[in-house]
N, C-alpha and C. Protein backbone atom coordinates (compact mmCIF):
# COMPACT_ATOMS: atom_id res chain seq x y z
N UNK A 1 -15.79 8.34 2.83
CA UNK A 1 -15.27 7.26 2.50
C UNK A 1 -15.94 7.05 0.86
N UNK A 2 -15.07 6.76 -0.27
CA UNK A 2 -15.63 6.45 -1.33
C UNK A 2 -16.69 7.37 -1.93
N UNK A 3 -17.36 6.95 -3.01
CA UNK A 3 -18.18 7.57 -3.83
C UNK A 3 -19.52 7.04 -3.30
N UNK A 4 -20.45 8.11 -3.02
CA UNK A 4 -21.82 7.66 -2.54
C UNK A 4 -22.62 7.13 -4.02
N UNK A 5 -22.18 7.44 -4.90
CA UNK A 5 -23.00 6.80 -6.15
C UNK A 5 -22.24 5.69 -6.85
N UNK A 6 -21.39 5.13 -6.09
CA UNK A 6 -20.43 3.92 -6.64
C UNK A 6 -21.28 2.61 -6.19
N UNK A 7 -21.28 1.68 -6.81
CA UNK A 7 -22.46 0.62 -6.70
C UNK A 7 -21.17 -0.65 -5.84
N UNK A 8 -20.31 -0.20 -6.28
CA UNK A 8 -19.17 -1.37 -5.79
C UNK A 8 -19.19 -1.46 -4.27
N UNK A 9 -18.98 -2.70 -4.20
CA UNK A 9 -18.90 -3.21 -2.43
C UNK A 9 -17.34 -3.49 -2.12
N UNK A 10 -16.47 -3.02 -2.86
CA UNK A 10 -15.04 -3.31 -2.58
C UNK A 10 -14.35 -2.18 -1.87
N UNK A 11 -13.79 -2.46 -0.74
CA UNK A 11 -13.16 -1.56 0.16
C UNK A 11 -11.54 -2.13 0.15
N UNK A 12 -10.76 -1.25 0.58
CA UNK A 12 -9.36 -1.16 1.02
C UNK A 12 -9.07 -0.74 2.38
N UNK A 13 -9.06 -1.76 3.32
CA UNK A 13 -8.71 -1.07 4.68
C UNK A 13 -7.23 -1.09 4.91
N UNK A 14 -6.58 -0.10 5.68
CA UNK A 14 -5.52 0.24 5.85
C UNK A 14 -5.00 -0.19 7.45
N UNK A 15 -4.37 -1.27 7.73
CA UNK A 15 -3.88 -1.51 9.12
C UNK A 15 -2.54 -1.93 9.12
N UNK A 16 -1.73 -1.24 8.36
CA UNK A 16 -0.47 -1.05 8.35
C UNK A 16 0.23 -0.03 9.56
N UNK A 17 -0.64 0.65 9.94
CA UNK A 17 -0.14 1.83 10.89
C UNK A 17 0.57 2.97 10.38
N UNK A 18 0.44 3.08 9.08
CA UNK A 18 1.05 4.17 8.19
C UNK A 18 0.24 4.53 7.19
N UNK A 19 0.34 5.80 6.72
CA UNK A 19 -0.58 6.12 5.62
C UNK A 19 0.09 5.85 4.33
N UNK A 20 -0.89 5.37 3.40
CA UNK A 20 -0.64 4.27 2.23
C UNK A 20 -1.42 5.36 1.08
N UNK A 21 -0.50 5.31 -0.15
CA UNK A 21 -1.33 5.66 -1.44
C UNK A 21 -1.87 4.47 -2.35
N UNK A 22 -3.01 4.54 -2.62
CA UNK A 22 -3.58 3.37 -3.47
C UNK A 22 -3.83 3.90 -4.89
N UNK A 23 -3.44 3.25 -5.95
CA UNK A 23 -3.53 3.25 -7.46
C UNK A 23 -4.60 2.12 -7.74
N UNK A 24 -5.37 2.39 -8.42
CA UNK A 24 -6.29 1.18 -8.94
C UNK A 24 -7.08 1.28 -10.49
N UNK A 25 -7.13 0.17 -10.90
CA UNK A 25 -7.85 0.43 -12.34
C UNK A 25 -8.35 -1.13 -12.61
N UNK A 26 -9.26 -1.06 -13.62
CA UNK A 26 -10.02 -2.36 -13.95
C UNK A 26 -8.92 -2.85 -14.82
N UNK A 27 -8.02 -2.31 -15.38
CA UNK A 27 -7.03 -3.15 -16.10
C UNK A 27 -5.78 -3.10 -15.45
N UNK A 28 -4.70 -4.13 -15.62
CA UNK A 28 -3.70 -3.96 -15.00
C UNK A 28 -2.69 -2.87 -15.58
N UNK A 29 -2.15 -1.99 -14.49
CA UNK A 29 -1.67 -0.81 -14.82
C UNK A 29 0.06 -1.07 -15.33
N UNK A 30 0.43 -0.54 -16.37
CA UNK A 30 1.74 -0.37 -16.82
C UNK A 30 2.77 0.42 -16.03
N UNK A 31 4.01 -0.12 -15.70
CA UNK A 31 4.85 0.67 -15.29
C UNK A 31 5.61 1.61 -15.88
N UNK A 32 5.81 2.75 -16.08
CA UNK A 32 6.55 3.46 -17.09
C UNK A 32 7.92 3.72 -16.33
N UNK A 33 8.38 4.10 -15.26
CA UNK A 33 9.52 4.42 -15.03
C UNK A 33 9.64 3.85 -12.99
N UNK A 34 10.82 3.47 -12.92
CA UNK A 34 11.45 3.15 -11.34
C UNK A 34 12.43 4.10 -11.37
N UNK A 35 11.97 5.02 -10.13
CA UNK A 35 13.00 5.98 -9.65
C UNK A 35 13.70 5.45 -8.24
N UNK A 36 15.03 5.11 -7.98
CA UNK A 36 15.51 4.90 -7.09
C UNK A 36 16.42 5.75 -6.45
N UNK A 37 16.16 6.31 -5.15
CA UNK A 37 16.89 7.45 -4.45
C UNK A 37 17.81 6.56 -3.32
N UNK A 38 19.07 6.59 -3.32
CA UNK A 38 19.68 5.81 -2.41
C UNK A 38 20.62 6.96 -1.53
N UNK A 39 20.26 6.83 -0.18
CA UNK A 39 21.05 8.01 0.56
C UNK A 39 21.82 7.10 1.73
N UNK A 40 22.91 7.87 1.98
CA UNK A 40 23.92 6.89 3.25
C UNK A 40 24.10 7.74 4.33
N UNK A 41 23.89 7.57 5.31
CA UNK A 41 24.52 8.33 6.74
C UNK A 41 25.36 7.45 7.54
N UNK A 42 26.74 7.94 7.69
CA UNK A 42 27.85 7.51 8.38
C UNK A 42 28.14 7.93 9.77
N UNK A 43 28.23 7.41 10.51
CA UNK A 43 28.67 7.56 12.09
C UNK A 43 29.88 6.87 12.57
N UNK A 44 30.83 7.64 12.45
CA UNK A 44 32.09 6.78 13.35
C UNK A 44 32.62 7.70 14.32
N UNK A 45 32.84 6.67 15.46
CA UNK A 45 33.48 7.36 16.71
C UNK A 45 34.54 6.41 17.21
N UNK A 46 35.79 7.10 17.48
CA UNK A 46 36.78 6.07 18.10
C UNK A 46 36.72 6.10 19.76
N UNK A 47 36.68 4.75 20.16
CA UNK A 47 36.78 4.48 21.49
C UNK A 47 38.10 4.41 22.19
N UNK A 48 38.37 4.45 23.40
CA UNK A 48 39.80 4.23 23.78
C UNK A 48 40.28 3.04 23.65
N UNK A 49 39.58 2.03 23.36
CA UNK A 49 40.16 0.71 23.24
C UNK A 49 40.14 0.21 21.72
N UNK A 50 39.50 0.92 20.80
CA UNK A 50 39.56 0.62 19.52
C UNK A 50 38.46 1.76 18.78
N UNK A 51 38.51 1.18 17.51
CA UNK A 51 37.24 1.80 16.48
C UNK A 51 36.09 1.05 16.75
N UNK A 52 34.82 2.30 16.58
CA UNK A 52 33.58 1.38 16.54
C UNK A 52 32.80 2.62 15.86
N UNK A 53 31.90 1.96 14.93
CA UNK A 53 31.06 2.90 13.93
C UNK A 53 30.15 2.13 13.55
N UNK A 54 29.04 2.72 12.81
CA UNK A 54 27.76 2.20 12.16
C UNK A 54 27.68 3.24 11.02
N UNK A 55 26.82 2.43 10.09
CA UNK A 55 26.54 2.95 8.74
C UNK A 55 25.19 2.60 8.43
N UNK A 56 24.32 3.48 8.01
CA UNK A 56 23.18 3.35 7.85
C UNK A 56 22.75 3.89 6.39
N UNK A 57 22.29 2.99 5.91
CA UNK A 57 21.82 2.99 4.44
C UNK A 57 20.35 2.50 4.04
N UNK A 58 19.64 3.75 3.38
CA UNK A 58 18.39 3.89 3.02
C UNK A 58 18.20 3.93 1.65
N UNK A 59 17.15 3.48 1.11
CA UNK A 59 16.44 3.72 -0.04
C UNK A 59 14.94 4.45 -0.25
N UNK A 60 14.68 5.14 -1.52
CA UNK A 60 13.53 5.49 -1.42
C UNK A 60 13.07 5.20 -3.03
N UNK A 61 12.00 4.20 -3.27
CA UNK A 61 11.65 3.66 -4.48
C UNK A 61 10.18 4.44 -5.00
N UNK A 62 10.50 5.29 -5.95
CA UNK A 62 9.20 5.87 -6.64
C UNK A 62 8.82 5.17 -8.14
N UNK A 63 7.36 4.74 -8.05
CA UNK A 63 7.06 3.89 -9.15
C UNK A 63 5.93 5.08 -9.90
N UNK A 64 6.34 5.19 -11.33
CA UNK A 64 5.61 5.99 -11.89
C UNK A 64 4.89 5.27 -13.01
N UNK A 65 3.69 5.39 -13.26
CA UNK A 65 2.93 4.72 -14.23
C UNK A 65 2.60 5.59 -15.28
N UNK A 66 2.43 4.81 -16.52
CA UNK A 66 1.85 5.43 -17.64
C UNK A 66 0.68 6.22 -17.39
N UNK A 67 0.69 7.30 -17.73
CA UNK A 67 -0.45 8.45 -17.81
C UNK A 67 -1.91 7.59 -18.18
N UNK A 68 -2.81 7.32 -17.71
CA UNK A 68 -4.03 7.08 -18.00
C UNK A 68 -5.30 7.58 -17.20
N UNK A 69 -6.34 7.76 -17.66
CA UNK A 69 -7.38 8.62 -17.19
C UNK A 69 -8.12 7.47 -16.52
N UNK A 70 -8.00 6.45 -16.57
CA UNK A 70 -8.62 5.26 -15.91
C UNK A 70 -8.15 4.95 -14.63
N UNK A 71 -6.98 5.25 -14.68
CA UNK A 71 -6.20 4.96 -13.26
C UNK A 71 -6.65 6.12 -12.08
N UNK A 72 -7.36 5.59 -11.14
CA UNK A 72 -7.57 6.49 -9.78
C UNK A 72 -6.76 6.04 -8.64
N UNK A 73 -6.69 7.01 -7.98
CA UNK A 73 -5.67 7.03 -6.80
C UNK A 73 -6.57 7.74 -5.54
N UNK A 74 -6.32 7.10 -4.40
CA UNK A 74 -6.43 8.05 -2.86
C UNK A 74 -5.59 7.65 -2.03
N UNK A 75 -5.56 8.43 -1.10
CA UNK A 75 -4.73 8.16 0.09
C UNK A 75 -5.60 7.50 1.31
N UNK A 76 -5.20 6.52 1.93
CA UNK A 76 -5.71 6.11 3.31
C UNK A 76 -4.92 6.03 4.33
N UNK A 77 -5.46 7.05 5.47
CA UNK A 77 -4.64 7.17 6.76
C UNK A 77 -4.68 5.63 7.44
N UNK A 78 -3.67 5.73 8.23
CA UNK A 78 -3.64 4.58 9.13
C UNK A 78 -4.69 4.25 9.98
N UNK A 79 -4.93 2.89 10.03
CA UNK A 79 -6.24 2.44 10.70
C UNK A 79 -7.59 2.92 9.91
N UNK A 80 -7.52 3.38 8.52
CA UNK A 80 -8.91 3.70 8.36
C UNK A 80 -9.08 2.87 7.04
N UNK A 81 -10.16 2.92 6.41
CA UNK A 81 -10.34 2.49 4.94
C UNK A 81 -10.93 3.28 4.07
N UNK A 82 -11.15 2.84 2.66
CA UNK A 82 -11.96 3.65 1.49
C UNK A 82 -12.86 2.74 0.77
N UNK A 83 -13.57 3.14 0.27
CA UNK A 83 -14.59 2.48 -0.48
C UNK A 83 -13.98 2.50 -2.12
N UNK A 84 -13.92 1.61 -2.97
CA UNK A 84 -13.43 1.77 -4.26
C UNK A 84 -14.64 2.13 -5.16
N UNK A 85 -14.24 3.29 -5.93
CA UNK A 85 -15.32 3.67 -7.08
C UNK A 85 -15.40 3.11 -8.30
N UNK A 86 -15.39 1.90 -8.30
CA UNK A 86 -15.24 1.11 -9.43
C UNK A 86 -16.21 -0.10 -9.57
N UNK A 87 -16.63 -0.60 -10.25
CA UNK A 87 -17.31 -1.79 -10.52
C UNK A 87 -16.60 -3.09 -11.20
N UNK A 88 -16.80 -4.16 -10.90
CA UNK A 88 -16.15 -5.27 -11.22
C UNK A 88 -14.84 -5.71 -10.54
N UNK A 89 -13.76 -6.42 -11.19
CA UNK A 89 -12.62 -6.63 -10.99
C UNK A 89 -11.75 -5.46 -11.16
N UNK A 90 -10.66 -5.48 -10.08
CA UNK A 90 -10.09 -4.17 -10.01
C UNK A 90 -8.62 -4.85 -9.90
N UNK A 91 -7.45 -4.16 -10.47
CA UNK A 91 -6.15 -4.32 -10.16
C UNK A 91 -5.51 -3.13 -9.11
N UNK A 92 -4.74 -3.64 -7.84
CA UNK A 92 -4.36 -2.43 -7.04
C UNK A 92 -3.03 -2.72 -6.80
N UNK A 93 -2.38 -1.05 -6.77
CA UNK A 93 -1.15 -0.93 -6.51
C UNK A 93 -1.08 -0.08 -5.10
N UNK A 94 -0.30 -0.63 -4.08
CA UNK A 94 -0.13 0.17 -2.81
C UNK A 94 1.01 0.61 -2.46
N UNK A 95 1.54 2.01 -1.86
CA UNK A 95 2.75 2.18 -1.49
C UNK A 95 2.59 2.85 -0.19
N UNK A 96 3.62 2.86 0.41
CA UNK A 96 3.69 3.71 1.74
C UNK A 96 3.92 5.12 1.46
N UNK A 97 3.36 6.11 1.86
CA UNK A 97 3.47 7.58 1.66
C UNK A 97 4.90 8.05 1.92
N UNK A 98 5.10 7.69 3.05
CA UNK A 98 6.28 8.36 3.62
C UNK A 98 7.57 8.02 2.81
N UNK A 99 7.73 6.67 2.58
CA UNK A 99 8.90 6.35 1.85
C UNK A 99 8.78 5.79 0.60
N UNK A 100 7.57 5.62 -0.25
CA UNK A 100 7.13 5.20 -1.56
C UNK A 100 7.33 3.60 -1.51
N UNK A 101 7.92 3.01 -0.53
CA UNK A 101 8.06 1.60 -0.62
C UNK A 101 6.68 1.02 -1.08
N UNK A 102 7.02 -0.37 -1.82
CA UNK A 102 5.83 -0.69 -2.62
C UNK A 102 5.47 -1.81 -1.69
N UNK A 103 4.14 -1.89 -1.44
CA UNK A 103 3.40 -3.00 -0.69
C UNK A 103 3.00 -4.31 -1.64
N UNK A 104 2.32 -3.50 -2.69
CA UNK A 104 1.95 -4.60 -3.70
C UNK A 104 1.75 -4.04 -5.06
N UNK A 105 1.76 -4.52 -6.18
CA UNK A 105 1.68 -4.09 -7.51
C UNK A 105 0.63 -4.77 -8.24
N UNK A 106 -0.43 -4.28 -8.84
CA UNK A 106 -1.35 -4.89 -9.75
C UNK A 106 -1.83 -6.19 -9.26
N UNK A 107 -2.09 -6.15 -7.82
CA UNK A 107 -2.83 -7.06 -6.86
C UNK A 107 -4.16 -7.29 -7.60
N UNK A 108 -4.63 -8.54 -7.97
CA UNK A 108 -5.91 -8.94 -8.43
C UNK A 108 -6.85 -8.80 -7.12
N UNK A 109 -7.96 -7.89 -7.44
CA UNK A 109 -9.25 -8.04 -6.52
C UNK A 109 -10.56 -8.26 -7.07
N UNK A 110 -11.19 -9.42 -7.04
CA UNK A 110 -12.40 -9.88 -7.68
C UNK A 110 -13.40 -8.60 -7.45
N UNK A 111 -14.30 -8.89 -8.16
CA UNK A 111 -15.53 -8.24 -7.75
C UNK A 111 -16.26 -8.18 -6.53
N UNK A 112 -16.72 -7.11 -5.88
CA UNK A 112 -17.09 -7.41 -4.53
C UNK A 112 -16.34 -7.96 -3.44
N UNK A 113 -15.30 -7.88 -3.60
CA UNK A 113 -14.37 -8.38 -2.54
C UNK A 113 -13.59 -7.12 -1.80
N UNK A 114 -13.09 -7.19 -0.52
CA UNK A 114 -12.27 -6.09 0.07
C UNK A 114 -11.07 -6.87 0.62
N UNK A 115 -10.14 -6.08 0.85
CA UNK A 115 -8.72 -6.43 1.17
C UNK A 115 -8.52 -5.53 2.38
N UNK A 116 -7.32 -6.09 3.05
CA UNK A 116 -6.92 -5.43 4.43
C UNK A 116 -5.20 -5.40 4.30
N UNK A 117 -4.63 -3.92 4.26
CA UNK A 117 -3.26 -3.85 4.14
C UNK A 117 -3.02 -4.33 5.50
N UNK A 118 -2.01 -5.19 5.84
CA UNK A 118 -1.64 -5.57 7.13
C UNK A 118 -0.14 -5.20 7.28
N UNK A 119 0.06 -5.33 8.59
CA UNK A 119 1.61 -5.15 9.01
C UNK A 119 2.35 -6.38 8.54
N UNK A 120 3.47 -6.64 7.95
CA UNK A 120 4.43 -5.80 7.72
C UNK A 120 4.25 -5.48 5.99
N UNK A 121 3.11 -5.03 5.53
CA UNK A 121 3.04 -4.92 4.17
C UNK A 121 2.30 -6.12 3.36
N UNK A 122 1.69 -7.00 3.92
CA UNK A 122 0.96 -7.96 3.25
C UNK A 122 -0.32 -7.43 3.24
N UNK A 123 -1.02 -8.20 1.76
CA UNK A 123 -2.55 -7.82 1.73
C UNK A 123 -3.20 -9.07 1.87
N UNK A 124 -4.24 -9.02 2.56
CA UNK A 124 -5.47 -10.19 3.02
C UNK A 124 -6.37 -9.71 2.53
N UNK A 125 -7.46 -10.86 2.11
CA UNK A 125 -8.84 -10.61 1.74
C UNK A 125 -9.55 -10.75 3.05
N UNK A 126 -10.46 -9.59 2.99
CA UNK A 126 -11.61 -9.50 4.05
C UNK A 126 -12.43 -10.53 4.02
N UNK A 127 -12.95 -11.38 5.24
CA UNK A 127 -13.73 -12.23 5.54
C UNK A 127 -15.22 -11.89 5.03
N UNK A 128 -15.77 -12.38 3.95
CA UNK A 128 -16.95 -11.81 3.44
C UNK A 128 -18.10 -11.87 4.65
N UNK A 129 -18.68 -10.51 4.80
CA UNK A 129 -19.85 -10.54 5.70
C UNK A 129 -19.42 -10.33 6.89
N UNK A 130 -18.24 -10.09 7.29
CA UNK A 130 -17.46 -9.96 8.53
C UNK A 130 -17.03 -8.34 8.57
N UNK A 131 -16.72 -8.10 9.68
CA UNK A 131 -16.18 -6.58 10.12
C UNK A 131 -15.08 -6.39 8.88
N UNK A 132 -14.82 -4.93 8.36
CA UNK A 132 -13.84 -4.81 7.43
C UNK A 132 -12.47 -5.08 8.02
N UNK A 133 -12.30 -5.16 9.05
CA UNK A 133 -10.85 -5.71 9.80
C UNK A 133 -10.75 -7.16 9.96
N UNK A 134 -11.54 -7.91 9.62
CA UNK A 134 -11.55 -9.33 9.82
C UNK A 134 -10.99 -10.09 8.53
N UNK A 135 -9.79 -10.70 8.37
CA UNK A 135 -9.31 -11.53 7.40
C UNK A 135 -10.05 -12.95 7.45
N UNK A 136 -9.66 -13.49 6.18
CA UNK A 136 -10.47 -14.71 5.84
C UNK A 136 -10.01 -15.98 6.87
N UNK A 137 -8.89 -15.46 7.69
CA UNK A 137 -8.53 -16.56 8.68
C UNK A 137 -8.85 -16.26 9.84
N UNK A 138 -9.71 -15.49 9.96
CA UNK A 138 -10.16 -14.86 11.56
C UNK A 138 -9.35 -13.92 12.18
N UNK A 139 -8.46 -13.73 11.53
CA UNK A 139 -7.53 -12.45 12.35
C UNK A 139 -7.96 -11.17 12.10
N UNK A 140 -7.97 -10.57 13.41
CA UNK A 140 -8.74 -9.39 13.37
C UNK A 140 -7.38 -8.10 13.71
N UNK A 141 -7.59 -6.82 12.82
CA UNK A 141 -6.65 -5.65 12.58
C UNK A 141 -7.38 -4.51 12.98
N UNK A 142 -6.86 -3.84 13.81
CA UNK A 142 -7.66 -2.77 14.12
C UNK A 142 -6.47 -1.47 14.35
């Protein structure tokens, strides 16, 4: 978990139930491109009394940042956490790995603060001095 040589006390906990991809930097990240892939699946069946059917529409969004060697990234499995290898204030962007769905973009995390990614994709500050899974309101995620 994180870098053994880092002096940061900032952690990111993933309570979403899904694997997430984290990008972070000490400066705000600049979005270069947004790619949206929309696919559809239709299923129509005719019943004896009339027609019935359903249509499913899904989208996948991929955000691409300008290449910057200072932007770091890592994955966090469901129900796990990682230490951020940077000192001071950071800006975090988080996405679900399986869909590319955006959880947050350039979320400001002050120095030595930790956050919890909660279902259904919210960001909560961890209660200072408590378990990594407890937010400031006393809610516990595991």
